[in-house]
Amino acid sequence: MRVTILGCTGGVAANLRTTCLMLDSDILIDAGTGAGDLTLDEMLRIDTVFLTHSHLDHVALLPMLADVVGPRRNTPLTVYALPETIAILAQHMFNFRLWPDYTALPSPDKPYVIFHPVAVGQTVELAGRRISPLPVRHAVPGVAYQLDSGKASFVFSGDTTYHAPFWEALNAIGNLRYLMIETTFLNHNTAGAEASGHMRPELLAQGLKHLNKPVRLLITHMEPGNEDATMAEIQAAAGAFKPEKLKRGQVFEF
C-alpha cells in the first residue's frame, strides 16, 4: 500500500492544501483542497473516498470531484463515512442549493455518488486492503482510519482532541508503523482547542505517554503561520518520538 500526501494543513494559502490523502491510485482519504492538484486522469482513477468527518477543509473538493468525473465514468464514486457525516452532506452540500445532489443525478438508478455508512470497529476491505474506522472526539462526529496492508499499518487521526479510546485502539494494532496525527493549536489556546475538539502539543504528549510501541510520528493540520512554533512545542513535549512535520507530496509505502 502507498499513501501520497496531497494536503496536510489546517488552512489554505499559496502552496498550502487542506487534508487529502491518496491511497494507492484509486482511494482518497478525505477530500480537502489537496484533491485539486490531481490531474483529470488521476481523478478518473479514484473509485472510493473515505471521509473522517464533515468539516469543509476535509470535504470541500468532494462535490467538484463528483462533478468532473461523474460524466466520464461508468460507475459511481463510492463514499464511505459515518451516518452523521452522510446526513450533514445531504442536508448542506448535495442539496440542489449549495451543489447538485449527485446521489440522485443524473438519475436515481445511476447516480454519480453513492454513500456507504461506516462504524468504528467495522473494517472495509478493498482488494486486500483493510481500512478500519477508529474512535476520536471532535466538534462533530468523526473517525480516524487505520490503513492496513497486512505487513504494516498507517493510522490517520482525522481531527480529534485527546481521546483515550483512540490511544487504546492504537495499542491494539500489532503492525502499527505510521501515526499521522493532527496538532492544530498552540498550547496557550486551551479554550480554542477544547471548543473545537482539536489537539495541542500538551494533549498530544498526554496521548503518546499511553502508546506502548514505537511509531513514525507525522504531524498534520497545523495552523498556517504557526507551524514552526507548534513543532517547537511538540518537540519540547514529545521529542522522544522524533516528531516530523508532514509535507505535501510525501509518499509512504508499507
C-alpha atoms as a PDB file:
ATOM      1  CA  MET A   1       0.000   0.000   0.000  1.00  0.00           C
ATOM      2  CA  ARG A   2       1.145   3.510  -0.760  1.00  0.00           C
ATOM      3  CA  VAL A   3      -0.086   6.773   0.786  1.00  0.00           C
ATOM      4  CA  THR A   4       0.567  10.055  -1.031  1.00  0.00           C
ATOM      5  CA  ILE A   5       0.012  13.264   0.933  1.00  0.00           C
ATOM      6  CA  LEU A   6      -1.971  15.673  -1.263  1.00  0.00           C
ATOM      7  CA  GLY A   7      -2.836  18.119   1.532  1.00  0.00           C
ATOM      8  CA  CYS A   8      -1.977  18.339   5.222  1.00  0.00           C
ATOM      9  CA  THR A   9      -2.519  21.867   6.563  1.00  0.00           C
ATOM     10  CA  GLY A  10      -5.189  23.430   8.741  1.00  0.00           C
ATOM     11  CA  GLY A  11      -5.898  26.192   6.215  1.00  0.00           C
ATOM     12  CA  VAL A  12      -5.174  27.420   2.713  1.00  0.00           C
ATOM     13  CA  ALA A  13      -2.622  29.826   1.263  1.00  0.00           C
ATOM     14  CA  ALA A  14      -0.075  29.651  -1.543  1.00  0.00           C
ATOM     15  CA  ASN A  15       1.325  26.099  -1.636  1.00  0.00           C
ATOM     16  CA  LEU A  16      -0.843  25.035   1.318  1.00  0.00           C
ATOM     17  CA  ARG A  17      -3.594  22.466   0.807  1.00  0.00           C
ATOM     18  CA  THR A  18      -6.124  21.075   3.261  1.00  0.00           C
ATOM     19  CA  THR A  19      -6.418  17.434   4.154  1.00  0.00           C
ATOM     20  CA  CYS A  20      -6.399  14.816   1.436  1.00  0.00           C
ATOM     21  CA  LEU A  21      -4.504  11.524   1.234  1.00  0.00           C
ATOM     22  CA  MET A  22      -4.372   9.231  -1.791  1.00  0.00           C
ATOM     23  CA  LEU A  23      -4.167   5.518  -1.050  1.00  0.00           C
ATOM     24  CA  ASP A  24      -2.512   3.776  -3.982  1.00  0.00           C
ATOM     25  CA  SER A  25      -4.097   5.432  -7.031  1.00  0.00           C
ATOM     26  CA  ASP A  26      -7.794   4.692  -6.513  1.00  0.00           C
ATOM     27  CA  ILE A  27      -8.766   5.790  -2.987  1.00  0.00           C
ATOM     28  CA  LEU A  28      -8.882   9.170  -1.260  1.00  0.00           C
ATOM     29  CA  ILE A  29      -8.921   9.631   2.497  1.00  0.00           C
ATOM     30  CA  ASP A  30     -10.739  12.961   2.892  1.00  0.00           C
ATOM     31  CA  ALA A  31     -11.258  15.359   0.006  1.00  0.00           C
ATOM     32  CA  GLY A  32      -9.848  18.697   1.056  1.00  0.00           C
ATOM     33  CA  THR A  33      -8.266  21.146  -1.356  1.00  0.00           C
ATOM     34  CA  GLY A  34      -5.304  18.821  -1.906  1.00  0.00           C
ATOM     35  CA  ALA A  35      -7.532  16.799  -4.232  1.00  0.00           C
ATOM     36  CA  GLY A  36      -7.494  19.733  -6.646  1.00  0.00           C
ATOM     37  CA  ASP A  37      -3.867  19.058  -7.541  1.00  0.00           C
ATOM     38  CA  LEU A  38      -4.752  15.733  -9.164  1.00  0.00           C
ATOM     39  CA  THR A  39      -4.815  15.654 -12.953  1.00  0.00           C
ATOM     40  CA  LEU A  40      -8.056  14.724 -14.669  1.00  0.00           C
ATOM     41  CA  ASP A  41      -6.644  11.277 -15.472  1.00  0.00           C
ATOM     42  CA  GLU A  42      -5.706  10.805 -11.815  1.00  0.00           C
ATOM     43  CA  MET A  43      -9.172  11.908 -10.709  1.00  0.00           C
ATOM     44  CA  LEU A  44     -10.757   9.394 -13.046  1.00  0.00           C
ATOM     45  CA  ARG A  45      -8.829   6.587 -11.323  1.00  0.00           C
ATOM     46  CA  ILE A  46     -10.398   7.448  -7.949  1.00  0.00           C
ATOM     47  CA  ASP A  47     -13.138   4.921  -7.212  1.00  0.00           C
ATOM     48  CA  THR A  48     -13.564   5.399  -3.472  1.00  0.00           C
ATOM     49  CA  VAL A  49     -13.424   8.180  -0.882  1.00  0.00           C
ATOM     50  CA  PHE A  50     -13.302   7.714   2.896  1.00  0.00           C
ATOM     51  CA  LEU A  51     -14.278  10.777   4.937  1.00  0.00           C
ATOM     52  CA  THR A  52     -13.195  11.344   8.535  1.00  0.00           C
ATOM     53  CA  HIS A  53     -15.876  13.972   9.217  1.00  0.00           C
ATOM     54  CA  SER A  54     -17.968  16.704   7.604  1.00  0.00           C
ATOM     55  CA  HIS A  55     -15.892  19.870   8.051  1.00  0.00           C
ATOM     56  CA  LEU A  56     -15.220  21.839   4.901  1.00  0.00           C
ATOM     57  CA  ASP A  57     -11.427  21.554   4.943  1.00  0.00           C
ATOM     58  CA  HIS A  58     -11.878  17.769   4.663  1.00  0.00           C
ATOM     59  CA  VAL A  59     -14.764  17.591   2.151  1.00  0.00           C
ATOM     60  CA  ALA A  60     -14.603  20.771   0.031  1.00  0.00           C
ATOM     61  CA  LEU A  61     -13.463  19.097  -3.190  1.00  0.00           C
ATOM     62  CA  LEU A  62     -15.829  16.114  -2.985  1.00  0.00           C
ATOM     63  CA  PRO A  63     -18.710  17.787  -4.887  1.00  0.00           C
ATOM     64  CA  MET A  64     -16.347  19.160  -7.524  1.00  0.00           C
ATOM     65  CA  LEU A  65     -14.661  15.775  -7.911  1.00  0.00           C
ATOM     66  CA  ALA A  66     -18.072  14.198  -8.485  1.00  0.00           C
ATOM     67  CA  ASP A  67     -18.948  16.912 -10.969  1.00  0.00           C
ATOM     68  CA  VAL A  68     -15.783  16.374 -13.019  1.00  0.00           C
ATOM     69  CA  VAL A  69     -15.563  12.597 -13.044  1.00  0.00           C
ATOM     70  CA  GLY A  70     -19.249  11.660 -12.943  1.00  0.00           C
ATOM     71  CA  PRO A  71     -19.989  12.167 -16.656  1.00  0.00           C
ATOM     72  CA  ARG A  72     -16.753  10.373 -17.594  1.00  0.00           C
ATOM     73  CA  ARG A  73     -17.275   7.222 -15.515  1.00  0.00           C
ATOM     74  CA  ASN A  74     -19.463   4.168 -15.928  1.00  0.00           C
ATOM     75  CA  THR A  75     -19.654   3.531 -12.198  1.00  0.00           C
ATOM     76  CA  PRO A  76     -20.441   5.905  -9.318  1.00  0.00           C
ATOM     77  CA  LEU A  77     -17.914   7.303  -6.887  1.00  0.00           C
ATOM     78  CA  THR A  78     -18.319   5.358  -3.632  1.00  0.00           C
ATOM     79  CA  VAL A  79     -18.029   7.454  -0.456  1.00  0.00           C
ATOM     80  CA  TYR A  80     -17.658   5.864   2.986  1.00  0.00           C
ATOM     81  CA  ALA A  81     -18.461   7.985   6.040  1.00  0.00           C
ATOM     82  CA  LEU A  82     -20.261   7.962   9.365  1.00  0.00           C
ATOM     83  CA  PRO A  83     -24.074   8.137   9.076  1.00  0.00           C
ATOM     84  CA  GLU A  84     -23.933  11.551  10.762  1.00  0.00           C
ATOM     85  CA  THR A  85     -21.444  12.806   8.159  1.00  0.00           C
ATOM     86  CA  ILE A  86     -23.593  11.497   5.320  1.00  0.00           C
ATOM     87  CA  ALA A  87     -26.644  13.253   6.771  1.00  0.00           C
ATOM     88  CA  ILE A  88     -24.779  16.573   7.092  1.00  0.00           C
ATOM     89  CA  LEU A  89     -23.546  16.421   3.496  1.00  0.00           C
ATOM     90  CA  ALA A  90     -27.023  15.515   2.251  1.00  0.00           C
ATOM     91  CA  GLN A  91     -28.590  18.446   4.062  1.00  0.00           C
ATOM     92  CA  HIS A  92     -25.959  21.101   3.472  1.00  0.00           C
ATOM     93  CA  MET A  93     -23.935  20.168   0.386  1.00  0.00           C
ATOM     94  CA  PHE A  94     -25.679  17.792  -2.037  1.00  0.00           C
ATOM     95  CA  ASN A  95     -28.980  19.642  -1.696  1.00  0.00           C
ATOM     96  CA  PHE A  96     -29.541  21.395  -5.082  1.00  0.00           C
ATOM     97  CA  ARG A  97     -28.796  24.724  -3.371  1.00  0.00           C
ATOM     98  CA  LEU A  98     -25.113  24.595  -2.497  1.00  0.00           C
ATOM     99  CA  TRP A  99     -24.468  21.875  -5.112  1.00  0.00           C
ATOM    100  CA  PRO A 100     -26.467  19.414  -7.229  1.00  0.00           C
ATOM    101  CA  ASP A 101     -27.482  16.228  -5.454  1.00  0.00           C
ATOM    102  CA  TYR A 102     -25.270  13.753  -7.253  1.00  0.00           C
ATOM    103  CA  THR A 103     -26.659  10.914  -5.167  1.00  0.00           C
ATOM    104  CA  ALA A 104     -29.779  11.261  -7.355  1.00  0.00           C
ATOM    105  CA  LEU A 105     -28.299  12.681 -10.563  1.00  0.00           C
ATOM    106  CA  PRO A 106     -28.186  12.139 -13.449  1.00  0.00           C
ATOM    107  CA  SER A 107     -30.805   9.581 -12.351  1.00  0.00           C
ATOM    108  CA  PRO A 108     -31.612   7.800  -9.072  1.00  0.00           C
ATOM    109  CA  ASP A 109     -30.627   4.438 -10.532  1.00  0.00           C
ATOM    110  CA  LYS A 110     -27.335   5.728 -11.994  1.00  0.00           C
ATOM    111  CA  PRO A 111     -26.040   8.449  -9.660  1.00  0.00           C
ATOM    112  CA  TYR A 112     -22.562   9.929  -9.724  1.00  0.00           C
ATOM    113  CA  VAL A 113     -22.108   9.318  -5.953  1.00  0.00           C
ATOM    114  CA  ILE A 114     -23.128   6.501  -3.621  1.00  0.00           C
ATOM    115  CA  PHE A 115     -22.728   6.822   0.143  1.00  0.00           C
ATOM    116  CA  HIS A 116     -21.995   3.855   2.401  1.00  0.00           C
ATOM    117  CA  PRO A 117     -22.092   4.233   6.200  1.00  0.00           C
ATOM    118  CA  VAL A 118     -19.166   3.145   8.354  1.00  0.00           C
ATOM    119  CA  ALA A 119     -18.896   2.461  12.073  1.00  0.00           C
ATOM    120  CA  VAL A 120     -15.999   2.223  14.483  1.00  0.00           C
ATOM    121  CA  GLY A 121     -14.659  -1.312  14.502  1.00  0.00           C
ATOM    122  CA  GLN A 122     -16.195  -2.322  11.175  1.00  0.00           C
ATOM    123  CA  THR A 123     -13.423  -2.891   8.643  1.00  0.00           C
ATOM    124  CA  VAL A 124     -13.904  -2.237   4.937  1.00  0.00           C
ATOM    125  CA  GLU A 125     -11.775  -4.484   2.728  1.00  0.00           C
ATOM    126  CA  LEU A 126     -10.993  -3.390  -0.822  1.00  0.00           C
ATOM    127  CA  ALA A 127      -8.756  -5.634  -2.948  1.00  0.00           C
ATOM    128  CA  GLY A 128      -6.981  -6.941   0.135  1.00  0.00           C
ATOM    129  CA  ARG A 129      -6.562  -3.523   1.718  1.00  0.00           C
ATOM    130  CA  ARG A 130      -8.191  -3.227   5.134  1.00  0.00           C
ATOM    131  CA  ILE A 131      -9.499   0.208   6.163  1.00  0.00           C
ATOM    132  CA  SER A 132     -10.856   0.428   9.702  1.00  0.00           C
ATOM    133  CA  PRO A 133     -12.550   3.391  11.431  1.00  0.00           C
ATOM    134  CA  LEU A 134     -11.144   4.215  14.871  1.00  0.00           C
ATOM    135  CA  PRO A 135     -12.746   6.335  17.643  1.00  0.00           C
ATOM    136  CA  VAL A 136     -11.948  10.056  18.003  1.00  0.00           C
ATOM    137  CA  ARG A 137     -13.537  13.085  19.677  1.00  0.00           C
ATOM    138  CA  HIS A 138     -14.118  16.252  17.664  1.00  0.00           C
ATOM    139  CA  ALA A 139     -16.650  19.084  17.430  1.00  0.00           C
ATOM    140  CA  VAL A 140     -18.710  16.963  15.028  1.00  0.00           C
ATOM    141  CA  PRO A 141     -18.888  13.170  14.755  1.00  0.00           C
ATOM    142  CA  GLY A 142     -15.700  11.805  13.233  1.00  0.00           C
ATOM    143  CA  VAL A 143     -13.377   8.851  12.914  1.00  0.00           C
ATOM    144  CA  ALA A 144      -9.723   8.096  12.372  1.00  0.00           C
ATOM    145  CA  TYR A 145      -8.704   5.445   9.846  1.00  0.00           C
ATOM    146  CA  GLN A 146      -6.305   2.539  10.087  1.00  0.00           C
ATOM    147  CA  LEU A 147      -4.907   1.579   6.675  1.00  0.00           C
ATOM    148  CA  ASP A 148      -3.623  -1.983   6.966  1.00  0.00           C
ATOM    149  CA  SER A 149      -1.627  -3.729   4.246  1.00  0.00           C
ATOM    150  CA  GLY A 150      -1.121  -6.808   6.410  1.00  0.00           C
ATOM    151  CA  LYS A 151       2.581  -6.099   6.646  1.00  0.00           C
ATOM    152  CA  ALA A 152       2.142  -2.722   8.356  1.00  0.00           C
ATOM    153  CA  SER A 153      -0.470  -0.108   9.268  1.00  0.00           C
ATOM    154  CA  PHE A 154      -0.726   3.641   8.711  1.00  0.00           C
ATOM    155  CA  VAL A 155      -3.153   5.470  11.021  1.00  0.00           C
ATOM    156  CA  PHE A 156      -4.546   8.909  10.209  1.00  0.00           C
ATOM    157  CA  SER A 157      -6.233  10.558  13.188  1.00  0.00           C
ATOM    158  CA  GLY A 158      -8.556  12.852  11.274  1.00  0.00           C
ATOM    159  CA  ASP A 159      -9.470  15.751  13.576  1.00  0.00           C
ATOM    160  CA  THR A 160      -9.510  14.949  17.281  1.00  0.00           C
ATOM    161  CA  THR A 161      -8.659  16.195  20.719  1.00  0.00           C
ATOM    162  CA  TYR A 162      -7.249  13.846  23.356  1.00  0.00           C
ATOM    163  CA  HIS A 163      -9.466  10.770  23.472  1.00  0.00           C
ATOM    164  CA  ALA A 164      -8.407   7.742  25.500  1.00  0.00           C
ATOM    165  CA  PRO A 165     -10.223   5.176  23.282  1.00  0.00           C
ATOM    166  CA  PHE A 166      -8.174   6.360  20.285  1.00  0.00           C
ATOM    167  CA  TRP A 167      -4.909   5.590  22.067  1.00  0.00           C
ATOM    168  CA  GLU A 168      -6.276   2.259  23.265  1.00  0.00           C
ATOM    169  CA  ALA A 169      -7.121   1.399  19.651  1.00  0.00           C
ATOM    170  CA  LEU A 170      -3.565   2.268  18.581  1.00  0.00           C
ATOM    171  CA  ASN A 171      -2.122  -0.031  21.225  1.00  0.00           C
ATOM    172  CA  ALA A 172      -4.227  -2.873  19.834  1.00  0.00           C
ATOM    173  CA  ILE A 173      -2.653  -2.545  16.356  1.00  0.00           C
ATOM    174  CA  GLY A 174       0.185  -5.041  16.260  1.00  0.00           C
ATOM    175  CA  ASN A 175       1.726  -3.803  12.995  1.00  0.00           C
ATOM    176  CA  LEU A 176       1.432  -0.039  13.547  1.00  0.00           C
ATOM    177  CA  ARG A 177       4.235   1.788  11.723  1.00  0.00           C
ATOM    178  CA  TYR A 178       2.992   5.325  10.940  1.00  0.00           C
ATOM    179  CA  LEU A 179       0.846   7.692  13.003  1.00  0.00           C
ATOM    180  CA  MET A 180      -0.321  10.801  11.155  1.00  0.00           C
ATOM    181  CA  ILE A 181      -1.934  12.962  13.813  1.00  0.00           C
ATOM    182  CA  GLU A 182      -3.287  16.483  13.958  1.00  0.00           C
ATOM    183  CA  THR A 183      -1.937  19.156  16.289  1.00  0.00           C
ATOM    184  CA  THR A 184      -3.844  22.284  15.354  1.00  0.00           C
ATOM    185  CA  PHE A 185      -3.365  24.768  18.181  1.00  0.00           C
ATOM    186  CA  LEU A 186      -0.523  26.127  20.264  1.00  0.00           C
ATOM    187  CA  ASN A 187      -0.576  25.241  23.963  1.00  0.00           C
ATOM    188  CA  HIS A 188      -1.812  28.651  25.131  1.00  0.00           C
ATOM    189  CA  ASN A 189      -5.044  28.276  23.154  1.00  0.00           C
ATOM    190  CA  THR A 190      -6.696  25.863  25.550  1.00  0.00           C
ATOM    191  CA  ALA A 191     -10.154  27.373  25.085  1.00  0.00           C
ATOM    192  CA  GLY A 192      -9.995  27.193  21.295  1.00  0.00           C
ATOM    193  CA  ALA A 193      -8.761  23.618  21.323  1.00  0.00           C
ATOM    194  CA  GLU A 194     -11.431  22.500  23.778  1.00  0.00           C
ATOM    195  CA  ALA A 195     -14.281  24.249  21.970  1.00  0.00           C
ATOM    196  CA  SER A 196     -13.291  22.918  18.552  1.00  0.00           C
ATOM    197  CA  GLY A 197     -12.145  19.435  19.549  1.00  0.00           C
ATOM    198  CA  HIS A 198      -8.565  19.824  18.363  1.00  0.00           C
ATOM    199  CA  MET A 199      -5.175  18.785  19.676  1.00  0.00           C
ATOM    200  CA  ARG A 200      -2.478  20.899  21.334  1.00  0.00           C
ATOM    201  CA  PRO A 201       1.118  19.713  21.862  1.00  0.00           C
ATOM    202  CA  GLU A 202       0.460  19.049  25.559  1.00  0.00           C
ATOM    203  CA  LEU A 203      -2.553  16.884  24.673  1.00  0.00           C
ATOM    204  CA  LEU A 204      -0.538  15.039  22.043  1.00  0.00           C
ATOM    205  CA  ALA A 205       2.150  14.312  24.630  1.00  0.00           C
ATOM    206  CA  GLN A 206      -0.531  13.096  27.034  1.00  0.00           C
ATOM    207  CA  GLY A 207      -1.697  10.566  24.477  1.00  0.00           C
ATOM    208  CA  LEU A 208       1.781   9.463  23.490  1.00  0.00           C
ATOM    209  CA  LYS A 209       2.511   8.562  27.116  1.00  0.00           C
ATOM    210  CA  HIS A 210      -0.041   5.773  26.719  1.00  0.00           C
ATOM    211  CA  LEU A 211       1.358   4.452  23.431  1.00  0.00           C
ATOM    212  CA  ASN A 212       3.090   1.150  24.003  1.00  0.00           C
ATOM    213  CA  LYS A 213       5.087   0.930  20.769  1.00  0.00           C
ATOM    214  CA  PRO A 214       7.397   2.999  18.579  1.00  0.00           C
ATOM    215  CA  VAL A 215       5.893   4.761  15.568  1.00  0.00           C
ATOM    216  CA  ARG A 216       6.965   7.206  12.930  1.00  0.00           C
ATOM    217  CA  LEU A 217       5.126  10.312  14.144  1.00  0.00           C
ATOM    218  CA  LEU A 218       3.816  12.618  11.388  1.00  0.00           C
ATOM    219  CA  ILE A 219       2.290  15.942  12.426  1.00  0.00           C
ATOM    220  CA  THR A 220      -0.538  17.391  10.337  1.00  0.00           C
ATOM    221  CA  HIS A 221      -3.240  20.095  10.349  1.00  0.00           C
ATOM    222  CA  MET A 222      -1.223  22.882  11.976  1.00  0.00           C
ATOM    223  CA  GLU A 223      -2.464  26.462  11.685  1.00  0.00           C
ATOM    224  CA  PRO A 224      -0.822  28.269   8.750  1.00  0.00           C
ATOM    225  CA  GLY A 225       1.812  30.650  10.058  1.00  0.00           C
ATOM    226  CA  ASN A 226       2.175  28.801  13.372  1.00  0.00           C
ATOM    227  CA  GLU A 227       3.873  25.666  12.055  1.00  0.00           C
ATOM    228  CA  ASP A 228       7.359  26.374  13.421  1.00  0.00           C
ATOM    229  CA  ALA A 229       6.062  27.417  16.838  1.00  0.00           C
ATOM    230  CA  THR A 230       3.784  24.366  17.001  1.00  0.00           C
ATOM    231  CA  MET A 231       6.586  21.998  16.051  1.00  0.00           C
ATOM    232  CA  ALA A 232       8.814  23.580  18.698  1.00  0.00           C
ATOM    233  CA  GLU A 233       6.173  22.937  21.350  1.00  0.00           C
ATOM    234  CA  ILE A 234       5.689  19.367  20.122  1.00  0.00           C
ATOM    235  CA  GLN A 235       9.434  18.791  20.235  1.00  0.00           C
ATOM    236  CA  ALA A 236       9.561  20.102  23.800  1.00  0.00           C
ATOM    237  CA  ALA A 237       6.641  17.929  24.895  1.00  0.00           C
ATOM    238  CA  ALA A 238       7.234  14.737  22.904  1.00  0.00           C
ATOM    239  CA  GLY A 239      10.683  14.914  21.374  1.00  0.00           C
ATOM    240  CA  ALA A 240      11.445  11.287  22.230  1.00  0.00           C
ATOM    241  CA  PHE A 241       9.081  10.255  19.419  1.00  0.00           C
ATOM    242  CA  LYS A 242      11.072  12.314  16.876  1.00  0.00           C
ATOM    243  CA  PRO A 243       8.007  14.148  15.505  1.00  0.00           C
ATOM    244  CA  GLU A 244       8.117  15.121  11.827  1.00  0.00           C
ATOM    245  CA  LYS A 245       6.294  17.970  10.122  1.00  0.00           C
ATOM    246  CA  LEU A 246       4.281  16.339   7.358  1.00  0.00           C
ATOM    247  CA  LYS A 247       4.730  17.805   3.884  1.00  0.00           C
ATOM    248  CA  ARG A 248       2.558  17.802   0.794  1.00  0.00           C
ATOM    249  CA  GLY A 249       3.916  15.351  -1.764  1.00  0.00           C
ATOM    250  CA  GLN A 250       5.415  12.894   0.712  1.00  0.00           C
ATOM    251  CA  VAL A 251       4.868   9.215  -0.093  1.00  0.00           C
ATOM    252  CA  PHE A 252       4.780   6.346   2.418  1.00  0.00           C
ATOM    253  CA  GLU A 253       4.866   2.681   1.393  1.00  0.00           C
ATOM    254  CA  PHE A 254       4.039  -0.105   3.806  1.00  0.00           C
END
